[in-house]
């Protein structure tokens, strides 16, 4: 939550805003880049991408601002990102189409 607030605050440096916004949108999105039902890989993104993004974001945000954002985060409810969900769904649909075309071409070459 603190990263979500940081991404929207004008006092946050631009690099921190971009990283924090991307991490918060991905972490709060109901859809994962790699679905959790895929063995090992499904949880790998949650175990590596999100903590690394949080670590980078925290390093980029000045400490006094981060303390303020953490205090504000304890008073808010969890937001959702429909835009991030739409991007991830779009990527999955594009991937499905590309795999379908690849399978179709492989099947028609025989």
C-alpha atoms as a PDB file:
ATOM      1  CA  UNK A   1       0.000   0.000   0.000  1.00  0.00           C
ATOM      2  CA  UNK A   2       2.793   2.436   0.835  1.00  0.00           C
ATOM      3  CA  UNK A   3       4.279   1.935  -2.622  1.00  0.00           C
ATOM      4  CA  UNK A   4       0.910   2.590  -4.230  1.00  0.00           C
ATOM      5  CA  UNK A   5       0.667   5.873  -2.320  1.00  0.00           C
ATOM      6  CA  UNK A   6       4.281   6.730  -3.187  1.00  0.00           C
ATOM      7  CA  UNK A   7       3.631   6.206  -6.883  1.00  0.00           C
ATOM      8  CA  UNK A   8       0.850   8.806  -6.783  1.00  0.00           C
ATOM      9  CA  UNK A   9       2.558  11.430  -4.618  1.00  0.00           C
ATOM     10  CA  UNK A  10       4.198  14.380  -6.422  1.00  0.00           C
ATOM     11  CA  UNK A  11       7.091  14.500  -3.923  1.00  0.00           C
ATOM     12  CA  UNK A  12       8.301  11.033  -4.917  1.00  0.00           C
ATOM     13  CA  UNK A  13      11.202  10.973  -7.421  1.00  0.00           C
ATOM     14  CA  UNK A  14      10.211   9.898 -10.944  1.00  0.00           C
ATOM     15  CA  UNK A  15      12.294   6.695 -10.967  1.00  0.00           C
ATOM     16  CA  UNK A  16      10.770   5.646  -7.645  1.00  0.00           C
ATOM     17  CA  UNK A  17       7.278   6.432  -8.955  1.00  0.00           C
ATOM     18  CA  UNK A  18       7.745   4.252 -12.017  1.00  0.00           C
ATOM     19  CA  UNK A  19       9.153   1.295 -10.096  1.00  0.00           C
ATOM     20  CA  UNK A  20       6.705   1.606  -7.189  1.00  0.00           C
ATOM     21  CA  UNK A  21       3.735   1.988  -9.508  1.00  0.00           C
ATOM     22  CA  UNK A  22       4.702  -1.056 -11.558  1.00  0.00           C
ATOM     23  CA  UNK A  23       5.336  -3.199  -8.472  1.00  0.00           C
ATOM     24  CA  UNK A  24       2.150  -2.091  -6.714  1.00  0.00           C
ATOM     25  CA  UNK A  25       0.026  -2.613  -9.822  1.00  0.00           C
ATOM     26  CA  UNK A  26       1.506  -6.078 -10.358  1.00  0.00           C
ATOM     27  CA  UNK A  27       1.252  -7.093  -6.687  1.00  0.00           C
ATOM     28  CA  UNK A  28      -2.325  -5.844  -6.330  1.00  0.00           C
ATOM     29  CA  UNK A  29      -3.510  -7.172  -9.667  1.00  0.00           C
ATOM     30  CA  UNK A  30      -5.776 -10.213  -9.379  1.00  0.00           C
ATOM     31  CA  UNK A  31      -4.000 -11.699 -12.391  1.00  0.00           C
ATOM     32  CA  UNK A  32      -0.372 -12.877 -12.362  1.00  0.00           C
ATOM     33  CA  UNK A  33       2.005 -12.659 -15.296  1.00  0.00           C
ATOM     34  CA  UNK A  34       2.662 -16.363 -14.776  1.00  0.00           C
ATOM     35  CA  UNK A  35      -0.431 -18.116 -13.313  1.00  0.00           C
ATOM     36  CA  UNK A  36       0.081 -19.846  -9.978  1.00  0.00           C
ATOM     37  CA  UNK A  37      -1.222 -23.181 -11.278  1.00  0.00           C
ATOM     38  CA  UNK A  38       1.932 -23.604 -13.401  1.00  0.00           C
ATOM     39  CA  UNK A  39       4.276 -25.666 -11.216  1.00  0.00           C
ATOM     40  CA  UNK A  40       7.265 -23.768  -9.779  1.00  0.00           C
ATOM     41  CA  UNK A  41       7.133 -20.926 -12.347  1.00  0.00           C
ATOM     42  CA  UNK A  42       3.745 -19.764 -11.075  1.00  0.00           C
ATOM     43  CA  UNK A  43       5.177 -18.882  -7.689  1.00  0.00           C
ATOM     44  CA  UNK A  44       8.594 -17.864  -8.951  1.00  0.00           C
ATOM     45  CA  UNK A  45       7.358 -14.464 -10.101  1.00  0.00           C
ATOM     46  CA  UNK A  46       5.774 -13.821  -6.706  1.00  0.00           C
ATOM     47  CA  UNK A  47       8.929 -14.905  -4.905  1.00  0.00           C
ATOM     48  CA  UNK A  48      11.390 -12.933  -7.043  1.00  0.00           C
ATOM     49  CA  UNK A  49       9.789 -10.091  -8.993  1.00  0.00           C
ATOM     50  CA  UNK A  50       7.657  -8.550  -6.253  1.00  0.00           C
ATOM     51  CA  UNK A  51      10.255  -8.572  -3.428  1.00  0.00           C
ATOM     52  CA  UNK A  52      12.970  -7.278  -5.776  1.00  0.00           C
ATOM     53  CA  UNK A  53      10.690  -4.493  -6.992  1.00  0.00           C
ATOM     54  CA  UNK A  54       9.768  -3.572  -3.423  1.00  0.00           C
ATOM     55  CA  UNK A  55      13.443  -3.502  -2.439  1.00  0.00           C
ATOM     56  CA  UNK A  56      14.341  -1.235  -5.370  1.00  0.00           C
ATOM     57  CA  UNK A  57      11.379   1.052  -4.677  1.00  0.00           C
ATOM     58  CA  UNK A  58      12.217   1.417  -0.991  1.00  0.00           C
ATOM     59  CA  UNK A  59      15.813   2.301  -1.897  1.00  0.00           C
ATOM     60  CA  UNK A  60      14.631   5.015  -4.308  1.00  0.00           C
ATOM     61  CA  UNK A  61      12.129   6.700  -1.958  1.00  0.00           C
ATOM     62  CA  UNK A  62      13.557   9.121   0.651  1.00  0.00           C
ATOM     63  CA  UNK A  63      13.192   7.734   4.195  1.00  0.00           C
ATOM     64  CA  UNK A  64      10.988  10.545   5.616  1.00  0.00           C
ATOM     65  CA  UNK A  65       8.565  10.203   2.702  1.00  0.00           C
ATOM     66  CA  UNK A  66       8.475   6.435   3.035  1.00  0.00           C
ATOM     67  CA  UNK A  67       7.618   6.719   6.747  1.00  0.00           C
ATOM     68  CA  UNK A  68       4.773   9.087   5.876  1.00  0.00           C
ATOM     69  CA  UNK A  69       3.484   6.749   3.155  1.00  0.00           C
ATOM     70  CA  UNK A  70       3.599   3.771   5.513  1.00  0.00           C
ATOM     71  CA  UNK A  71       1.558   5.669   8.090  1.00  0.00           C
ATOM     72  CA  UNK A  72      -0.996   6.642   5.444  1.00  0.00           C
ATOM     73  CA  UNK A  73      -1.107   3.058   4.158  1.00  0.00           C
ATOM     74  CA  UNK A  74      -2.207   1.713   7.524  1.00  0.00           C
ATOM     75  CA  UNK A  75      -5.385   3.819   7.268  1.00  0.00           C
ATOM     76  CA  UNK A  76      -6.479   2.818   3.741  1.00  0.00           C
ATOM     77  CA  UNK A  77      -8.169  -0.142   2.107  1.00  0.00           C
ATOM     78  CA  UNK A  78      -6.468  -2.185  -0.604  1.00  0.00           C
ATOM     79  CA  UNK A  79      -6.830  -0.752  -4.149  1.00  0.00           C
ATOM     80  CA  UNK A  80      -7.076  -2.797  -7.312  1.00  0.00           C
ATOM     81  CA  UNK A  81      -5.660  -1.980 -10.701  1.00  0.00           C
ATOM     82  CA  UNK A  82      -8.001  -2.676 -13.586  1.00  0.00           C
ATOM     83  CA  UNK A  83      -5.494  -1.261 -16.054  1.00  0.00           C
ATOM     84  CA  UNK A  84      -2.804  -3.702 -14.919  1.00  0.00           C
ATOM     85  CA  UNK A  85      -5.313  -6.554 -15.091  1.00  0.00           C
ATOM     86  CA  UNK A  86      -6.223  -5.518 -18.643  1.00  0.00           C
ATOM     87  CA  UNK A  87      -2.556  -5.451 -19.686  1.00  0.00           C
ATOM     88  CA  UNK A  88      -1.888  -8.900 -18.241  1.00  0.00           C
ATOM     89  CA  UNK A  89      -5.048 -10.357 -19.822  1.00  0.00           C
ATOM     90  CA  UNK A  90      -4.024  -8.782 -23.131  1.00  0.00           C
ATOM     91  CA  UNK A  91      -0.569 -10.342 -22.901  1.00  0.00           C
ATOM     92  CA  UNK A  92      -2.079 -13.750 -22.180  1.00  0.00           C
ATOM     93  CA  UNK A  93      -4.490 -13.437 -25.112  1.00  0.00           C
ATOM     94  CA  UNK A  94      -1.671 -12.369 -27.418  1.00  0.00           C
ATOM     95  CA  UNK A  95       0.420 -15.316 -26.209  1.00  0.00           C
ATOM     96  CA  UNK A  96      -2.482 -17.706 -26.788  1.00  0.00           C
ATOM     97  CA  UNK A  97      -2.980 -16.391 -30.327  1.00  0.00           C
ATOM     98  CA  UNK A  98       0.731 -16.680 -31.123  1.00  0.00           C
ATOM     99  CA  UNK A  99       0.872 -20.241 -29.777  1.00  0.00           C
ATOM    100  CA  UNK A 100      -2.270 -21.087 -31.755  1.00  0.00           C
ATOM    101  CA  UNK A 101      -0.737 -19.710 -34.970  1.00  0.00           C
ATOM    102  CA  UNK A 102       2.468 -21.610 -34.299  1.00  0.00           C
ATOM    103  CA  UNK A 103       0.559 -24.861 -33.739  1.00  0.00           C
ATOM    104  CA  UNK A 104      -1.572 -24.230 -36.832  1.00  0.00           C
ATOM    105  CA  UNK A 105       1.487 -23.683 -39.026  1.00  0.00           C
ATOM    106  CA  UNK A 106       3.228 -26.749 -37.583  1.00  0.00           C
ATOM    107  CA  UNK A 107       0.131 -28.878 -38.239  1.00  0.00           C
ATOM    108  CA  UNK A 108      -0.370 -27.655 -41.822  1.00  0.00           C
ATOM    109  CA  UNK A 109       3.254 -28.269 -42.813  1.00  0.00           C
ATOM    110  CA  UNK A 110       2.874 -32.013 -42.383  1.00  0.00           C
END
